[in-house]
Amino acid sequence: MESPRTLSVLLGKLDRAAEEAEKVLGCEILLLVFHDYASIDRSVVDDLEFFVRRRGRREDLDLCVVLHTSGGDADAAYHIAIRLQDLAGEKRLVAAVPRLAKSAGTIIACAGDVIYATPITELGPVDPQVYIPSTGRYVSARTIRDSLRQAIETLREVGSTNPLTIEKVLSSIPIAEMGDFESLLNHVKKLLKEVISRRMKRTREEEAEAIAETLTRGYEYHGKVIHVDEARRIGLNIEVLSGERLDAMYKLYRSIRDLLDAVDEVLKPLSHELALSPSLHEIEHGLVYLPLPPTETELGSHPASGEASEA
């Protein structure tokens, strides 16, 4: 049966799924959910702080942060990670990633004592992305460094000393900024190492260093899928859920997916015409960032994912 799926209905469904997951997992759930058009930035630090102050913190339970994000600003993610670690206090901080926490989202995931995963959990490299004005694109700082090395090797191989050839080869590489890019790589690595050292690899500094090095410099492609086996290989503490705990996490993720899919349907005819700015939608169990105004919005008619429509 199909029914109108308003924003408030889908957010309410997500809240109820989070409440059910809390009971099964035995922890306090805090959602940090971002649509692909929304990213982690410094305003999220404020939103999180004001939300926690209003809702309070159940200090008798572990804190379980459920992440769904494609990434964002590394410094903001670092600040959020540190704040979440402090909020957990003497209890465990669990980072639950039902589907993906890429790039800066991986920094937050690494803040946990452990990462709760599903068989389809996806993390990613945290090499910083840099805006290049000449192209209007964001590229990996690591890619810029490697491109310069490749260009130099090419010039050596051909033995060219022709100024025009050298200029042509190097013209697309912002060489003047290379020092800044290398500093940025080192900066993000230090942020990540600190986050990991505070919880997941407390007292094991060498392991934290190795993980941070791998995540910032160890992958050629920023979009690389770091699945659960790869996450274990590089040293992350990761636990793949099973049984009723996996069922509860998948039900929570299904609610996230239903919401994001419904938003995509609304945005489809607008995506090429509008600059879409995300808005915060606060629910009982956390923060959801969508490129829709925080008002009652009808999201069209959609199948209710195998279950009866919810009012």
C-alpha atoms as a PDB file:
ATOM      1  CA  MET A   1       0.000   0.000   0.000  1.00  0.00           C
ATOM      2  CA  GLU A   2       1.288   3.491  -0.814  1.00  0.00           C
ATOM      3  CA  SER A   3       0.717   6.560   1.294  1.00  0.00           C
ATOM      4  CA  PRO A   4       1.951  10.161   1.469  1.00  0.00           C
ATOM      5  CA  ARG A   5       5.293  10.231   3.293  1.00  0.00           C
ATOM      6  CA  THR A   6       5.623  13.551   5.052  1.00  0.00           C
ATOM      7  CA  LEU A   7       8.879  14.626   6.549  1.00  0.00           C
ATOM      8  CA  SER A   8       7.525  14.434  10.094  1.00  0.00           C
ATOM      9  CA  VAL A   9       6.254  10.862   9.525  1.00  0.00           C
ATOM     10  CA  LEU A  10       9.627   9.653   8.275  1.00  0.00           C
ATOM     11  CA  LEU A  11      11.532  11.448  11.042  1.00  0.00           C
ATOM     12  CA  GLY A  12       9.137   9.912  13.576  1.00  0.00           C
ATOM     13  CA  LYS A  13       9.725   6.470  12.120  1.00  0.00           C
ATOM     14  CA  LEU A  14      13.471   7.018  12.438  1.00  0.00           C
ATOM     15  CA  ASP A  15      13.080   8.089  16.061  1.00  0.00           C
ATOM     16  CA  ARG A  16      11.088   4.956  16.906  1.00  0.00           C
ATOM     17  CA  ALA A  17      13.638   2.722  15.218  1.00  0.00           C
ATOM     18  CA  ALA A  18      16.379   4.399  17.280  1.00  0.00           C
ATOM     19  CA  GLU A  19      14.391   3.801  20.472  1.00  0.00           C
ATOM     20  CA  GLU A  20      13.989   0.115  19.613  1.00  0.00           C
ATOM     21  CA  ALA A  21      17.704  -0.183  18.825  1.00  0.00           C
ATOM     22  CA  GLU A  22      18.551   1.374  22.204  1.00  0.00           C
ATOM     23  CA  LYS A  23      16.667  -1.403  23.976  1.00  0.00           C
ATOM     24  CA  VAL A  24      18.331  -4.175  21.959  1.00  0.00           C
ATOM     25  CA  LEU A  25      21.860  -2.727  22.135  1.00  0.00           C
ATOM     26  CA  GLY A  26      21.585  -1.551  25.750  1.00  0.00           C
ATOM     27  CA  CYS A  27      23.017   1.900  25.087  1.00  0.00           C
ATOM     28  CA  GLU A  28      21.985   5.506  24.577  1.00  0.00           C
ATOM     29  CA  ILE A  29      21.734   6.240  20.852  1.00  0.00           C
ATOM     30  CA  LEU A  30      22.679   9.578  19.343  1.00  0.00           C
ATOM     31  CA  LEU A  31      22.071   9.950  15.610  1.00  0.00           C
ATOM     32  CA  LEU A  32      24.314  11.961  13.303  1.00  0.00           C
ATOM     33  CA  VAL A  33      22.717  11.534   9.873  1.00  0.00           C
ATOM     34  CA  PHE A  34      23.677  13.561   6.795  1.00  0.00           C
ATOM     35  CA  HIS A  35      22.118  13.547   3.344  1.00  0.00           C
ATOM     36  CA  ASP A  36      24.650  13.516   0.500  1.00  0.00           C
ATOM     37  CA  TYR A  37      23.965  17.251  -0.008  1.00  0.00           C
ATOM     38  CA  ALA A  38      24.848  17.913   3.643  1.00  0.00           C
ATOM     39  CA  SER A  39      28.314  17.622   5.117  1.00  0.00           C
ATOM     40  CA  ILE A  40      30.056  17.806   8.463  1.00  0.00           C
ATOM     41  CA  ASP A  41      31.026  21.395   9.190  1.00  0.00           C
ATOM     42  CA  ARG A  42      31.683  23.621  12.193  1.00  0.00           C
ATOM     43  CA  SER A  43      28.000  24.412  12.698  1.00  0.00           C
ATOM     44  CA  VAL A  44      27.440  20.746  13.592  1.00  0.00           C
ATOM     45  CA  VAL A  45      29.660  21.234  16.652  1.00  0.00           C
ATOM     46  CA  ASP A  46      27.224  23.894  17.889  1.00  0.00           C
ATOM     47  CA  ASP A  47      24.158  21.828  16.995  1.00  0.00           C
ATOM     48  CA  LEU A  48      25.491  18.811  18.868  1.00  0.00           C
ATOM     49  CA  GLU A  49      26.365  20.792  21.970  1.00  0.00           C
ATOM     50  CA  PHE A  50      22.986  22.531  22.195  1.00  0.00           C
ATOM     51  CA  PHE A  51      21.171  19.248  21.523  1.00  0.00           C
ATOM     52  CA  VAL A  52      23.005  17.407  24.294  1.00  0.00           C
ATOM     53  CA  ARG A  53      22.431  20.250  26.742  1.00  0.00           C
ATOM     54  CA  ARG A  54      18.691  20.128  26.032  1.00  0.00           C
ATOM     55  CA  ARG A  55      18.294  16.365  26.042  1.00  0.00           C
ATOM     56  CA  GLY A  56      20.851  15.496  28.694  1.00  0.00           C
ATOM     57  CA  ARG A  57      23.027  12.407  28.903  1.00  0.00           C
ATOM     58  CA  ARG A  58      22.172   9.056  30.513  1.00  0.00           C
ATOM     59  CA  GLU A  59      25.426   8.472  32.351  1.00  0.00           C
ATOM     60  CA  ASP A  60      24.469   4.898  33.339  1.00  0.00           C
ATOM     61  CA  LEU A  61      24.607   3.758  29.688  1.00  0.00           C
ATOM     62  CA  ASP A  62      27.268   3.515  27.009  1.00  0.00           C
ATOM     63  CA  LEU A  63      26.935   6.236  24.369  1.00  0.00           C
ATOM     64  CA  CYS A  64      26.281   4.841  20.879  1.00  0.00           C
ATOM     65  CA  VAL A  65      26.701   7.376  18.063  1.00  0.00           C
ATOM     66  CA  VAL A  66      25.027   6.184  14.855  1.00  0.00           C
ATOM     67  CA  LEU A  67      26.768   7.726  11.857  1.00  0.00           C
ATOM     68  CA  HIS A  68      25.658   8.109   8.265  1.00  0.00           C
ATOM     69  CA  THR A  69      27.732  10.606   6.287  1.00  0.00           C
ATOM     70  CA  SER A  70      29.833  11.045   3.162  1.00  0.00           C
ATOM     71  CA  GLY A  71      32.230  13.339   5.028  1.00  0.00           C
ATOM     72  CA  GLY A  72      33.024  17.005   5.403  1.00  0.00           C
ATOM     73  CA  ASP A  73      35.474  19.215   7.269  1.00  0.00           C
ATOM     74  CA  ALA A  74      38.225  17.279   9.071  1.00  0.00           C
ATOM     75  CA  ASP A  75      38.688  19.867  11.839  1.00  0.00           C
ATOM     76  CA  ALA A  76      34.962  19.911  12.583  1.00  0.00           C
ATOM     77  CA  ALA A  77      34.911  16.108  12.639  1.00  0.00           C
ATOM     78  CA  TYR A  78      37.875  16.113  15.035  1.00  0.00           C
ATOM     79  CA  HIS A  79      36.111  18.567  17.355  1.00  0.00           C
ATOM     80  CA  ILE A  80      32.933  16.462  17.299  1.00  0.00           C
ATOM     81  CA  ALA A  81      34.950  13.309  17.994  1.00  0.00           C
ATOM     82  CA  ILE A  82      36.667  14.826  21.018  1.00  0.00           C
ATOM     83  CA  ARG A  83      33.361  16.133  22.386  1.00  0.00           C
ATOM     84  CA  LEU A  84      31.699  12.731  22.004  1.00  0.00           C
ATOM     85  CA  GLN A  85      34.588  11.082  23.831  1.00  0.00           C
ATOM     86  CA  ASP A  86      34.175  13.518  26.699  1.00  0.00           C
ATOM     87  CA  LEU A  87      30.404  12.995  26.765  1.00  0.00           C
ATOM     88  CA  ALA A  88      30.848   9.237  27.111  1.00  0.00           C
ATOM     89  CA  GLY A  89      32.882   9.803  30.267  1.00  0.00           C
ATOM     90  CA  GLU A  90      33.691   6.532  32.058  1.00  0.00           C
ATOM     91  CA  LYS A  91      31.302   4.579  29.826  1.00  0.00           C
ATOM     92  CA  ARG A  92      32.147   3.162  26.426  1.00  0.00           C
ATOM     93  CA  LEU A  93      31.773   5.265  23.319  1.00  0.00           C
ATOM     94  CA  VAL A  94      30.455   3.103  20.488  1.00  0.00           C
ATOM     95  CA  ALA A  95      30.511   4.351  16.900  1.00  0.00           C
ATOM     96  CA  ALA A  96      27.817   2.490  14.952  1.00  0.00           C
ATOM     97  CA  VAL A  97      28.081   2.640  11.165  1.00  0.00           C
ATOM     98  CA  PRO A  98      25.190   0.713   9.613  1.00  0.00           C
ATOM     99  CA  ARG A  99      26.189   1.697   6.076  1.00  0.00           C
ATOM    100  CA  LEU A 100      28.805   4.420   5.611  1.00  0.00           C
ATOM    101  CA  ALA A 101      30.938   6.999   7.391  1.00  0.00           C
ATOM    102  CA  LYS A 102      33.372   8.216   4.766  1.00  0.00           C
ATOM    103  CA  SER A 103      36.251  10.685   4.885  1.00  0.00           C
ATOM    104  CA  ALA A 104      35.692  13.027   7.864  1.00  0.00           C
ATOM    105  CA  GLY A 105      32.999  10.610   9.033  1.00  0.00           C
ATOM    106  CA  THR A 106      35.727   8.015   9.507  1.00  0.00           C
ATOM    107  CA  ILE A 107      37.476  10.398  11.907  1.00  0.00           C
ATOM    108  CA  ILE A 108      34.344  10.413  14.094  1.00  0.00           C
ATOM    109  CA  ALA A 109      34.013   6.630  13.810  1.00  0.00           C
ATOM    110  CA  CYS A 110      37.597   6.249  15.030  1.00  0.00           C
ATOM    111  CA  ALA A 111      36.668   8.140  18.215  1.00  0.00           C
ATOM    112  CA  GLY A 112      34.874   5.094  19.592  1.00  0.00           C
ATOM    113  CA  ASP A 113      36.249   2.410  21.857  1.00  0.00           C
ATOM    114  CA  VAL A 114      34.799   0.108  19.212  1.00  0.00           C
ATOM    115  CA  ILE A 115      33.005   0.430  15.875  1.00  0.00           C
ATOM    116  CA  TYR A 116      29.736  -1.489  15.534  1.00  0.00           C
ATOM    117  CA  ALA A 117      29.457  -2.615  11.925  1.00  0.00           C
ATOM    118  CA  THR A 118      27.128  -4.497   9.614  1.00  0.00           C
ATOM    119  CA  PRO A 119      28.306  -6.673   6.718  1.00  0.00           C
ATOM    120  CA  ILE A 120      27.946  -3.628   4.420  1.00  0.00           C
ATOM    121  CA  THR A 121      29.643  -0.999   6.608  1.00  0.00           C
ATOM    122  CA  GLU A 122      31.932   1.298   4.633  1.00  0.00           C
ATOM    123  CA  LEU A 123      34.630   3.597   5.982  1.00  0.00           C
ATOM    124  CA  GLY A 124      37.082   5.580   3.861  1.00  0.00           C
ATOM    125  CA  PRO A 125      40.466   7.298   3.676  1.00  0.00           C
ATOM    126  CA  VAL A 126      40.749  10.641   5.455  1.00  0.00           C
ATOM    127  CA  ASP A 127      43.274  12.323   3.181  1.00  0.00           C
ATOM    128  CA  PRO A 128      42.078  15.949   3.051  1.00  0.00           C
ATOM    129  CA  GLN A 129      40.405  17.398  -0.028  1.00  0.00           C
ATOM    130  CA  VAL A 130      41.683  20.726  -1.354  1.00  0.00           C
ATOM    131  CA  TYR A 131      39.849  23.239  -3.544  1.00  0.00           C
ATOM    132  CA  ILE A 132      41.742  24.167  -6.727  1.00  0.00           C
ATOM    133  CA  PRO A 133      40.492  27.564  -8.027  1.00  0.00           C
ATOM    134  CA  SER A 134      41.856  26.993 -11.536  1.00  0.00           C
ATOM    135  CA  THR A 135      39.623  23.940 -12.049  1.00  0.00           C
ATOM    136  CA  GLY A 136      36.780  24.628  -9.615  1.00  0.00           C
ATOM    137  CA  ARG A 137      37.181  21.112  -8.212  1.00  0.00           C
ATOM    138  CA  TYR A 138      38.136  19.484  -4.922  1.00  0.00           C
ATOM    139  CA  VAL A 139      40.992  17.001  -5.166  1.00  0.00           C
ATOM    140  CA  SER A 140      42.939  14.945  -2.683  1.00  0.00           C
ATOM    141  CA  ALA A 141      45.989  16.695  -1.214  1.00  0.00           C
ATOM    142  CA  ARG A 142      47.777  13.369  -1.557  1.00  0.00           C
ATOM    143  CA  THR A 143      46.874  13.248  -5.264  1.00  0.00           C
ATOM    144  CA  ILE A 144      48.442  16.676  -5.808  1.00  0.00           C
ATOM    145  CA  ARG A 145      51.648  15.573  -4.142  1.00  0.00           C
ATOM    146  CA  ASP A 146      51.765  12.340  -6.158  1.00  0.00           C
ATOM    147  CA  SER A 147      50.975  14.180  -9.398  1.00  0.00           C
ATOM    148  CA  LEU A 148      53.985  16.434  -8.892  1.00  0.00           C
ATOM    149  CA  ARG A 149      56.242  13.445  -8.273  1.00  0.00           C
ATOM    150  CA  GLN A 150      54.925  11.742 -11.407  1.00  0.00           C
ATOM    151  CA  ALA A 151      55.474  14.887 -13.473  1.00  0.00           C
ATOM    152  CA  ILE A 152      59.069  15.169 -12.273  1.00  0.00           C
ATOM    153  CA  GLU A 153      59.696  11.493 -13.063  1.00  0.00           C
ATOM    154  CA  THR A 154      58.231  11.981 -16.561  1.00  0.00           C
ATOM    155  CA  LEU A 155      60.522  14.926 -17.252  1.00  0.00           C
ATOM    156  CA  ARG A 156      63.516  12.909 -16.064  1.00  0.00           C
ATOM    157  CA  GLU A 157      62.585   9.945 -18.271  1.00  0.00           C
ATOM    158  CA  VAL A 158      62.268  12.016 -21.427  1.00  0.00           C
ATOM    159  CA  GLY A 159      65.323  14.056 -20.476  1.00  0.00           C
ATOM    160  CA  SER A 160      63.600  17.266 -21.457  1.00  0.00           C
ATOM    161  CA  THR A 161      65.087  20.639 -20.576  1.00  0.00           C
ATOM    162  CA  ASN A 162      62.815  22.580 -22.909  1.00  0.00           C
ATOM    163  CA  PRO A 163      61.149  25.336 -20.839  1.00  0.00           C
ATOM    164  CA  LEU A 164      57.917  25.094 -22.867  1.00  0.00           C
ATOM    165  CA  THR A 165      57.666  21.342 -22.267  1.00  0.00           C
ATOM    166  CA  ILE A 166      58.342  21.746 -18.564  1.00  0.00           C
ATOM    167  CA  GLU A 167      55.757  24.530 -18.296  1.00  0.00           C
ATOM    168  CA  LYS A 168      53.143  22.424 -20.094  1.00  0.00           C
ATOM    169  CA  VAL A 169      53.714  19.400 -17.857  1.00  0.00           C
ATOM    170  CA  LEU A 170      53.600  21.390 -14.626  1.00  0.00           C
ATOM    171  CA  SER A 171      50.953  23.966 -15.559  1.00  0.00           C
ATOM    172  CA  SER A 172      48.014  22.052 -14.051  1.00  0.00           C
ATOM    173  CA  ILE A 173      49.773  21.367 -10.741  1.00  0.00           C
ATOM    174  CA  PRO A 174      49.614  24.144  -8.070  1.00  0.00           C
ATOM    175  CA  ILE A 175      53.268  23.802  -7.139  1.00  0.00           C
ATOM    176  CA  ALA A 176      53.422  26.983  -5.065  1.00  0.00           C
ATOM    177  CA  GLU A 177      50.879  25.553  -2.632  1.00  0.00           C
ATOM    178  CA  MET A 178      52.528  22.121  -2.310  1.00  0.00           C
ATOM    179  CA  GLY A 179      54.030  23.019   1.064  1.00  0.00           C
ATOM    180  CA  ASP A 180      50.582  23.890   2.389  1.00  0.00           C
ATOM    181  CA  PHE A 181      49.107  20.653   1.064  1.00  0.00           C
ATOM    182  CA  GLU A 182      51.815  18.565   2.706  1.00  0.00           C
ATOM    183  CA  SER A 183      51.265  20.435   5.962  1.00  0.00           C
ATOM    184  CA  LEU A 184      47.541  19.719   5.659  1.00  0.00           C
ATOM    185  CA  LEU A 185      48.200  15.994   5.296  1.00  0.00           C
ATOM    186  CA  ASN A 186      50.376  16.043   8.402  1.00  0.00           C
ATOM    187  CA  HIS A 187      47.777  18.086  10.261  1.00  0.00           C
ATOM    188  CA  VAL A 188      44.924  15.648   9.546  1.00  0.00           C
ATOM    189  CA  LYS A 189      47.127  12.701  10.457  1.00  0.00           C
ATOM    190  CA  LYS A 190      47.859  14.279  13.864  1.00  0.00           C
ATOM    191  CA  LEU A 191      44.156  14.936  14.454  1.00  0.00           C
ATOM    192  CA  LEU A 192      43.282  11.339  13.661  1.00  0.00           C
ATOM    193  CA  LYS A 193      46.093   9.928  15.766  1.00  0.00           C
ATOM    194  CA  GLU A 194      44.952  11.966  18.768  1.00  0.00           C
ATOM    195  CA  VAL A 195      41.343  10.802  18.364  1.00  0.00           C
ATOM    196  CA  ILE A 196      42.389   7.140  18.152  1.00  0.00           C
ATOM    197  CA  SER A 197      44.849   7.431  21.047  1.00  0.00           C
ATOM    198  CA  ARG A 198      42.230   8.785  23.449  1.00  0.00           C
ATOM    199  CA  ARG A 199      40.001   5.673  23.323  1.00  0.00           C
ATOM    200  CA  MET A 200      40.415   2.907  20.769  1.00  0.00           C
ATOM    201  CA  LYS A 201      44.196   2.570  21.132  1.00  0.00           C
ATOM    202  CA  ARG A 202      44.705   4.124  24.541  1.00  0.00           C
ATOM    203  CA  THR A 203      48.316   3.455  25.724  1.00  0.00           C
ATOM    204  CA  ARG A 204      49.152   1.956  22.291  1.00  0.00           C
ATOM    205  CA  GLU A 205      50.627   4.969  20.559  1.00  0.00           C
ATOM    206  CA  GLU A 206      52.456   3.027  17.851  1.00  0.00           C
ATOM    207  CA  GLU A 207      49.234   1.340  16.732  1.00  0.00           C
ATOM    208  CA  ALA A 208      47.420   4.683  16.664  1.00  0.00           C
ATOM    209  CA  GLU A 209      50.274   6.160  14.600  1.00  0.00           C
ATOM    210  CA  ALA A 210      50.137   3.278  12.106  1.00  0.00           C
ATOM    211  CA  ILE A 211      46.361   3.516  11.636  1.00  0.00           C
ATOM    212  CA  ALA A 212      46.511   7.293  11.171  1.00  0.00           C
ATOM    213  CA  GLU A 213      49.317   6.936   8.639  1.00  0.00           C
ATOM    214  CA  THR A 214      47.367   4.351   6.650  1.00  0.00           C
ATOM    215  CA  LEU A 215      44.119   6.313   6.606  1.00  0.00           C
ATOM    216  CA  THR A 216      45.764   9.589   5.542  1.00  0.00           C
ATOM    217  CA  ARG A 217      48.458   8.334   3.157  1.00  0.00           C
ATOM    218  CA  GLY A 218      47.930   4.632   2.521  1.00  0.00           C
ATOM    219  CA  TYR A 219      45.307   4.676  -0.231  1.00  0.00           C
ATOM    220  CA  GLU A 220      45.579   5.954  -3.790  1.00  0.00           C
ATOM    221  CA  TYR A 221      41.894   6.842  -4.144  1.00  0.00           C
ATOM    222  CA  HIS A 222      39.851   8.988  -1.749  1.00  0.00           C
ATOM    223  CA  GLY A 223      36.685   7.004  -2.499  1.00  0.00           C
ATOM    224  CA  LYS A 224      38.283   3.669  -1.594  1.00  0.00           C
ATOM    225  CA  VAL A 225      35.860   1.311   0.164  1.00  0.00           C
ATOM    226  CA  ILE A 226      37.265   0.283   3.538  1.00  0.00           C
ATOM    227  CA  HIS A 227      35.063  -2.709   4.348  1.00  0.00           C
ATOM    228  CA  VAL A 228      35.055  -4.557   7.655  1.00  0.00           C
ATOM    229  CA  ASP A 229      37.890  -6.948   6.751  1.00  0.00           C
ATOM    230  CA  GLU A 230      40.086  -4.070   5.596  1.00  0.00           C
ATOM    231  CA  ALA A 231      39.202  -2.088   8.722  1.00  0.00           C
ATOM    232  CA  ARG A 232      40.389  -5.007  10.856  1.00  0.00           C
ATOM    233  CA  ARG A 233      43.531  -5.391   8.749  1.00  0.00           C
ATOM    234  CA  ILE A 234      44.639  -1.819   9.410  1.00  0.00           C
ATOM    235  CA  GLY A 235      44.033  -2.269  13.148  1.00  0.00           C
ATOM    236  CA  LEU A 236      40.644  -0.706  13.916  1.00  0.00           C
ATOM    237  CA  ASN A 237      38.560  -2.221  16.725  1.00  0.00           C
ATOM    238  CA  ILE A 238      35.484  -3.321  14.790  1.00  0.00           C
ATOM    239  CA  GLU A 239      32.662  -5.663  15.752  1.00  0.00           C
ATOM    240  CA  VAL A 240      30.219  -6.974  13.156  1.00  0.00           C
ATOM    241  CA  LEU A 241      26.793  -7.255  14.734  1.00  0.00           C
ATOM    242  CA  SER A 242      24.706 -10.411  14.432  1.00  0.00           C
ATOM    243  CA  GLY A 243      21.347 -11.801  15.497  1.00  0.00           C
ATOM    244  CA  GLU A 244      18.812  -9.405  16.977  1.00  0.00           C
ATOM    245  CA  ARG A 245      21.427  -6.662  17.319  1.00  0.00           C
ATOM    246  CA  LEU A 246      22.043  -6.756  13.566  1.00  0.00           C
ATOM    247  CA  ASP A 247      18.284  -6.829  12.929  1.00  0.00           C
ATOM    248  CA  ALA A 248      17.813  -3.715  15.069  1.00  0.00           C
ATOM    249  CA  MET A 249      20.669  -1.899  13.318  1.00  0.00           C
ATOM    250  CA  TYR A 250      19.324  -2.774   9.879  1.00  0.00           C
ATOM    251  CA  LYS A 251      15.837  -1.602  10.867  1.00  0.00           C
ATOM    252  CA  LEU A 252      17.362   1.684  11.977  1.00  0.00           C
ATOM    253  CA  TYR A 253      19.308   1.961   8.725  1.00  0.00           C
ATOM    254  CA  ARG A 254      16.165   1.142   6.708  1.00  0.00           C
ATOM    255  CA  SER A 255      14.472   4.116   8.367  1.00  0.00           C
ATOM    256  CA  ILE A 256      17.448   6.311   7.461  1.00  0.00           C
ATOM    257  CA  ARG A 257      17.391   5.027   3.901  1.00  0.00           C
ATOM    258  CA  ASP A 258      13.618   5.556   3.514  1.00  0.00           C
ATOM    259  CA  LEU A 259      14.033   9.162   4.641  1.00  0.00           C
ATOM    260  CA  LEU A 260      16.959   9.886   2.331  1.00  0.00           C
ATOM    261  CA  ASP A 261      15.326   8.168  -0.651  1.00  0.00           C
ATOM    262  CA  ALA A 262      12.145  10.194  -0.154  1.00  0.00           C
ATOM    263  CA  VAL A 263      14.178  13.412  -0.011  1.00  0.00           C
ATOM    264  CA  ASP A 264      15.962  12.418  -3.224  1.00  0.00           C
ATOM    265  CA  GLU A 265      12.628  12.030  -4.987  1.00  0.00           C
ATOM    266  CA  VAL A 266      11.689  15.590  -4.051  1.00  0.00           C
ATOM    267  CA  LEU A 267      15.069  16.964  -5.105  1.00  0.00           C
ATOM    268  CA  LYS A 268      15.356  15.113  -8.400  1.00  0.00           C
ATOM    269  CA  PRO A 269      13.627  17.782 -10.548  1.00  0.00           C
ATOM    270  CA  LEU A 270      15.391  20.586  -8.651  1.00  0.00           C
ATOM    271  CA  SER A 271      18.949  19.298  -8.316  1.00  0.00           C
ATOM    272  CA  HIS A 272      20.208  20.947 -11.534  1.00  0.00           C
ATOM    273  CA  GLU A 273      18.528  24.259 -10.839  1.00  0.00           C
ATOM    274  CA  LEU A 274      19.092  25.077  -7.188  1.00  0.00           C
ATOM    275  CA  ALA A 275      22.026  25.444  -4.858  1.00  0.00           C
ATOM    276  CA  LEU A 276      20.770  23.199  -2.082  1.00  0.00           C
ATOM    277  CA  SER A 277      21.674  24.194   1.468  1.00  0.00           C
ATOM    278  CA  PRO A 278      21.148  21.639   4.238  1.00  0.00           C
ATOM    279  CA  SER A 279      18.934  22.322   7.259  1.00  0.00           C
ATOM    280  CA  LEU A 280      19.015  20.714  10.694  1.00  0.00           C
ATOM    281  CA  HIS A 281      16.044  18.514  11.612  1.00  0.00           C
ATOM    282  CA  GLU A 282      16.271  17.658  15.301  1.00  0.00           C
ATOM    283  CA  ILE A 283      14.487  14.572  16.671  1.00  0.00           C
ATOM    284  CA  GLU A 284      14.481  12.946  20.096  1.00  0.00           C
ATOM    285  CA  HIS A 285      17.443  10.718  19.316  1.00  0.00           C
ATOM    286  CA  GLY A 286      19.697  13.066  17.412  1.00  0.00           C
ATOM    287  CA  LEU A 287      20.441  15.325  14.487  1.00  0.00           C
ATOM    288  CA  VAL A 288      19.457  14.814  10.837  1.00  0.00           C
ATOM    289  CA  TYR A 289      20.781  17.095   8.090  1.00  0.00           C
ATOM    290  CA  LEU A 290      18.664  17.340   4.932  1.00  0.00           C
ATOM    291  CA  PRO A 291      18.552  19.783   1.993  1.00  0.00           C
ATOM    292  CA  LEU A 292      14.968  20.680   2.920  1.00  0.00           C
ATOM    293  CA  PRO A 293      13.547  23.442   5.099  1.00  0.00           C
ATOM    294  CA  PRO A 294      12.693  22.373   8.690  1.00  0.00           C
ATOM    295  CA  THR A 295       8.950  22.611   7.987  1.00  0.00           C
ATOM    296  CA  GLU A 296       6.225  20.096   7.221  1.00  0.00           C
ATOM    297  CA  THR A 297       7.061  18.719   3.775  1.00  0.00           C
ATOM    298  CA  GLU A 298       5.192  16.067   1.820  1.00  0.00           C
ATOM    299  CA  LEU A 299       7.717  13.746   0.237  1.00  0.00           C
ATOM    300  CA  GLY A 300       5.415  11.938  -2.164  1.00  0.00           C
ATOM    301  CA  SER A 301       3.998   8.431  -2.193  1.00  0.00           C
ATOM    302  CA  HIS A 302       6.373   5.563  -1.539  1.00  0.00           C
ATOM    303  CA  PRO A 303       6.027   1.924  -0.582  1.00  0.00           C
ATOM    304  CA  ALA A 304       6.472   1.616   3.172  1.00  0.00           C
ATOM    305  CA  SER A 305       9.387  -0.836   2.877  1.00  0.00           C
ATOM    306  CA  GLY A 306       7.404  -3.959   3.620  1.00  0.00           C
ATOM    307  CA  GLU A 307       5.527  -2.611   6.618  1.00  0.00           C
ATOM    308  CA  ALA A 308       2.252  -0.830   7.268  1.00  0.00           C
ATOM    309  CA  SER A 309       2.083   2.914   6.900  1.00  0.00           C
ATOM    310  CA  GLU A 310       2.866   4.789  10.096  1.00  0.00           C
ATOM    311  CA  ALA A 311       1.102   7.955  11.165  1.00  0.00           C
END
